[in-house]
Every structure is written in structure tokens, then in C-alpha cells.
Amino acid sequence: MKMNKFFPSEIKYCLPIINSSKEEVLKEILQNLEYYDFFEVWVDYIENLDEKFVQNLIDGFKEKIIVVF
């Protein structure tokens, strides 16, 4: 994480994401990439969840994604 006036230390931050829309989950991740080190996505709240979406999250964000069921 880049250090700035809001995050003056080397502490790693994780944003929990609980949303019912796949689009909103992705939007929230993309809007916060520079502010958080990790994203904890609660996939059991996502409507119309499919394996391809979860795999795309894992492939696209690699070590930054934590998937919670």
C-alpha cells in the first residue's frame, strides 16, 4: 500500500465487501485498489453467483482477494 496522509504506516488494510450484485462487488474493488491491500468478498450474499465470476476475481486480483462463503 502506498503511504499517504490517510495511511501513514505499513499496516495492511482489508476491505470487506458484502453486496448482492456482481457488478457492485467489482466496482467497489476497482474504486478502492489504491487504498486497500486486500478485499474480503462475501460471495454467499451475491445473487446469481456463478463459478466463472469467482474464478475471474481470483485470476484478476490474485493475492489481493479473500473469498468468504
N, C-alpha and C. Protein backbone atom coordinates (compact mmCIF):
# COMPACT_ATOMS: atom_id res chain seq x y z
N MET A 1 0.84 -1.18 0.00
CA MET A 1 0.00 0.00 0.00
C MET A 1 0.88 1.23 0.00
N LYS A 2 0.51 2.19 -0.82
CA LYS A 2 1.24 3.44 -0.85
C LYS A 2 0.93 4.23 0.42
N MET A 3 1.97 4.80 0.99
CA MET A 3 1.77 5.59 2.20
C MET A 3 1.30 6.98 1.80
N ASN A 4 0.32 7.49 2.53
CA ASN A 4 -0.16 8.85 2.32
C ASN A 4 -0.67 9.38 3.64
N LYS A 5 -1.28 10.55 3.63
CA LYS A 5 -1.72 11.16 4.88
C LYS A 5 -2.83 10.36 5.56
N PHE A 6 -3.56 9.54 4.82
CA PHE A 6 -4.63 8.75 5.41
C PHE A 6 -4.12 7.42 5.98
N PHE A 7 -3.06 6.90 5.40
CA PHE A 7 -2.48 5.63 5.83
C PHE A 7 -0.98 5.83 6.06
N PRO A 8 -0.60 6.42 7.18
CA PRO A 8 0.82 6.76 7.37
C PRO A 8 1.71 5.60 7.81
N SER A 9 1.21 4.38 7.87
CA SER A 9 2.04 3.27 8.33
C SER A 9 2.05 2.14 7.30
N GLU A 10 2.75 1.08 7.63
CA GLU A 10 2.85 -0.08 6.76
C GLU A 10 1.81 -1.15 7.10
N ILE A 11 0.81 -0.79 7.85
CA ILE A 11 -0.26 -1.73 8.21
C ILE A 11 -1.03 -2.11 6.95
N LYS A 12 -1.35 -3.38 6.83
CA LYS A 12 -2.12 -3.86 5.69
C LYS A 12 -3.61 -3.73 6.01
N TYR A 13 -4.38 -3.19 5.07
CA TYR A 13 -5.81 -2.97 5.27
C TYR A 13 -6.62 -3.86 4.34
N CYS A 14 -7.75 -4.35 4.88
CA CYS A 14 -8.64 -5.22 4.12
C CYS A 14 -10.03 -4.61 4.11
N LEU A 15 -10.63 -4.53 2.93
CA LEU A 15 -11.99 -4.01 2.79
C LEU A 15 -12.96 -5.17 2.66
N PRO A 16 -13.85 -5.36 3.64
CA PRO A 16 -14.87 -6.39 3.49
C PRO A 16 -15.96 -5.90 2.52
N ILE A 17 -16.35 -6.75 1.61
CA ILE A 17 -17.36 -6.38 0.61
C ILE A 17 -18.52 -7.36 0.71
N ILE A 18 -19.67 -6.82 1.11
CA ILE A 18 -20.91 -7.60 1.19
C ILE A 18 -21.91 -6.88 0.30
N ASN A 19 -22.19 -7.48 -0.85
CA ASN A 19 -23.08 -6.86 -1.81
C ASN A 19 -23.83 -7.94 -2.56
N SER A 20 -25.03 -7.62 -3.03
CA SER A 20 -25.83 -8.63 -3.73
C SER A 20 -25.60 -8.64 -5.24
N SER A 21 -24.85 -7.69 -5.75
CA SER A 21 -24.63 -7.57 -7.18
C SER A 21 -23.17 -7.83 -7.56
N LYS A 22 -22.96 -8.66 -8.56
CA LYS A 22 -21.60 -8.92 -9.04
C LYS A 22 -20.96 -7.63 -9.54
N GLU A 23 -21.74 -6.81 -10.23
CA GLU A 23 -21.23 -5.56 -10.78
C GLU A 23 -20.79 -4.62 -9.66
N GLU A 24 -21.56 -4.54 -8.59
CA GLU A 24 -21.22 -3.66 -7.48
C GLU A 24 -19.97 -4.15 -6.73
N VAL A 25 -19.83 -5.46 -6.62
CA VAL A 25 -18.64 -6.02 -5.98
C VAL A 25 -17.40 -5.60 -6.77
N LEU A 26 -17.44 -5.80 -8.07
CA LEU A 26 -16.31 -5.44 -8.93
C LEU A 26 -16.05 -3.94 -8.89
N LYS A 27 -17.09 -3.14 -8.93
CA LYS A 27 -16.95 -1.68 -8.88
C LYS A 27 -16.29 -1.24 -7.58
N GLU A 28 -16.70 -1.83 -6.46
CA GLU A 28 -16.13 -1.46 -5.17
C GLU A 28 -14.63 -1.81 -5.09
N ILE A 29 -14.27 -2.96 -5.64
CA ILE A 29 -12.85 -3.34 -5.66
C ILE A 29 -12.05 -2.35 -6.50
N LEU A 30 -12.52 -2.08 -7.70
CA LEU A 30 -11.78 -1.20 -8.61
C LEU A 30 -11.65 0.22 -8.08
N GLN A 31 -12.68 0.70 -7.39
CA GLN A 31 -12.63 2.05 -6.83
C GLN A 31 -11.69 2.17 -5.64
N ASN A 32 -11.34 1.05 -5.04
CA ASN A 32 -10.54 1.08 -3.82
C ASN A 32 -9.18 0.40 -3.93
N LEU A 33 -8.75 0.07 -5.14
CA LEU A 33 -7.49 -0.65 -5.33
C LEU A 33 -6.29 0.07 -4.72
N GLU A 34 -6.25 1.38 -4.81
CA GLU A 34 -5.08 2.10 -4.30
C GLU A 34 -5.14 2.35 -2.79
N TYR A 35 -6.27 2.06 -2.16
CA TYR A 35 -6.43 2.34 -0.74
C TYR A 35 -6.36 1.12 0.17
N TYR A 36 -6.59 -0.07 -0.41
CA TYR A 36 -6.62 -1.29 0.39
C TYR A 36 -5.68 -2.33 -0.19
N ASP A 37 -5.11 -3.13 0.69
CA ASP A 37 -4.20 -4.19 0.27
C ASP A 37 -4.94 -5.46 -0.09
N PHE A 38 -6.09 -5.69 0.57
CA PHE A 38 -6.86 -6.91 0.38
C PHE A 38 -8.34 -6.59 0.31
N PHE A 39 -9.08 -7.50 -0.33
CA PHE A 39 -10.52 -7.38 -0.44
C PHE A 39 -11.16 -8.69 -0.03
N GLU A 40 -12.00 -8.63 0.98
CA GLU A 40 -12.68 -9.81 1.50
C GLU A 40 -14.09 -9.81 0.91
N VAL A 41 -14.33 -10.68 -0.06
CA VAL A 41 -15.61 -10.71 -0.76
C VAL A 41 -16.47 -11.83 -0.20
N TRP A 42 -17.62 -11.45 0.33
CA TRP A 42 -18.57 -12.41 0.90
C TRP A 42 -19.50 -12.86 -0.23
N VAL A 43 -19.13 -13.96 -0.87
CA VAL A 43 -19.83 -14.39 -2.08
C VAL A 43 -21.21 -14.98 -1.81
N ASP A 44 -21.49 -15.42 -0.60
CA ASP A 44 -22.81 -16.00 -0.34
C ASP A 44 -23.93 -14.95 -0.38
N TYR A 45 -23.58 -13.67 -0.39
CA TYR A 45 -24.57 -12.60 -0.50
C TYR A 45 -24.86 -12.21 -1.95
N ILE A 46 -24.04 -12.67 -2.88
CA ILE A 46 -24.17 -12.27 -4.28
C ILE A 46 -25.26 -13.08 -4.96
N GLU A 47 -26.22 -12.35 -5.56
CA GLU A 47 -27.29 -13.00 -6.31
C GLU A 47 -26.75 -13.51 -7.64
N ASN A 48 -27.29 -14.63 -8.09
CA ASN A 48 -26.89 -15.23 -9.37
C ASN A 48 -25.38 -15.49 -9.44
N LEU A 49 -24.83 -15.91 -8.32
CA LEU A 49 -23.40 -16.21 -8.27
C LEU A 49 -23.08 -17.41 -9.15
N ASP A 50 -21.98 -17.33 -9.86
CA ASP A 50 -21.53 -18.46 -10.66
C ASP A 50 -20.03 -18.64 -10.48
N GLU A 51 -19.58 -19.82 -10.78
CA GLU A 51 -18.16 -20.16 -10.60
C GLU A 51 -17.25 -19.27 -11.44
N LYS A 52 -17.70 -18.90 -12.63
CA LYS A 52 -16.89 -18.07 -13.51
C LYS A 52 -16.59 -16.70 -12.87
N PHE A 53 -17.57 -16.12 -12.20
CA PHE A 53 -17.35 -14.82 -11.54
C PHE A 53 -16.28 -14.94 -10.45
N VAL A 54 -16.40 -15.97 -9.63
CA VAL A 54 -15.43 -16.18 -8.55
C VAL A 54 -14.05 -16.42 -9.13
N GLN A 55 -13.96 -17.23 -10.16
CA GLN A 55 -12.66 -17.51 -10.79
C GLN A 55 -12.06 -16.26 -11.40
N ASN A 56 -12.90 -15.40 -12.00
CA ASN A 56 -12.40 -14.14 -12.56
C ASN A 56 -11.85 -13.22 -11.48
N LEU A 57 -12.51 -13.19 -10.31
CA LEU A 57 -11.99 -12.40 -9.19
C LEU A 57 -10.62 -12.91 -8.77
N ILE A 58 -10.51 -14.21 -8.62
CA ILE A 58 -9.25 -14.83 -8.20
C ILE A 58 -8.16 -14.57 -9.22
N ASP A 59 -8.48 -14.78 -10.50
CA ASP A 59 -7.49 -14.58 -11.56
C ASP A 59 -7.10 -13.10 -11.71
N GLY A 60 -8.08 -12.21 -11.56
CA GLY A 60 -7.83 -10.80 -11.79
C GLY A 60 -7.13 -10.08 -10.66
N PHE A 61 -7.36 -10.54 -9.43
CA PHE A 61 -6.81 -9.82 -8.28
C PHE A 61 -5.85 -10.67 -7.45
N LYS A 62 -5.61 -11.87 -7.90
CA LYS A 62 -4.62 -12.79 -7.33
C LYS A 62 -4.57 -12.76 -5.80
N GLU A 63 -3.44 -12.33 -5.23
CA GLU A 63 -3.23 -12.39 -3.79
C GLU A 63 -3.98 -11.30 -3.02
N LYS A 64 -4.71 -10.44 -3.69
CA LYS A 64 -5.46 -9.37 -3.02
C LYS A 64 -6.87 -9.81 -2.61
N ILE A 65 -7.32 -10.97 -3.09
CA ILE A 65 -8.70 -11.40 -2.86
C ILE A 65 -8.78 -12.46 -1.76
N ILE A 66 -9.73 -12.27 -0.87
CA ILE A 66 -10.08 -13.27 0.13
C ILE A 66 -11.55 -13.59 -0.12
N VAL A 67 -11.85 -14.83 -0.45
CA VAL A 67 -13.23 -15.23 -0.76
C VAL A 67 -13.82 -15.92 0.48
N VAL A 68 -14.97 -15.38 0.91
CA VAL A 68 -15.65 -15.90 2.10
C VAL A 68 -16.99 -16.46 1.68
N PHE A 69 -17.28 -17.70 2.12
CA PHE A 69 -18.57 -18.34 1.79
C PHE A 69 -19.47 -18.32 3.00
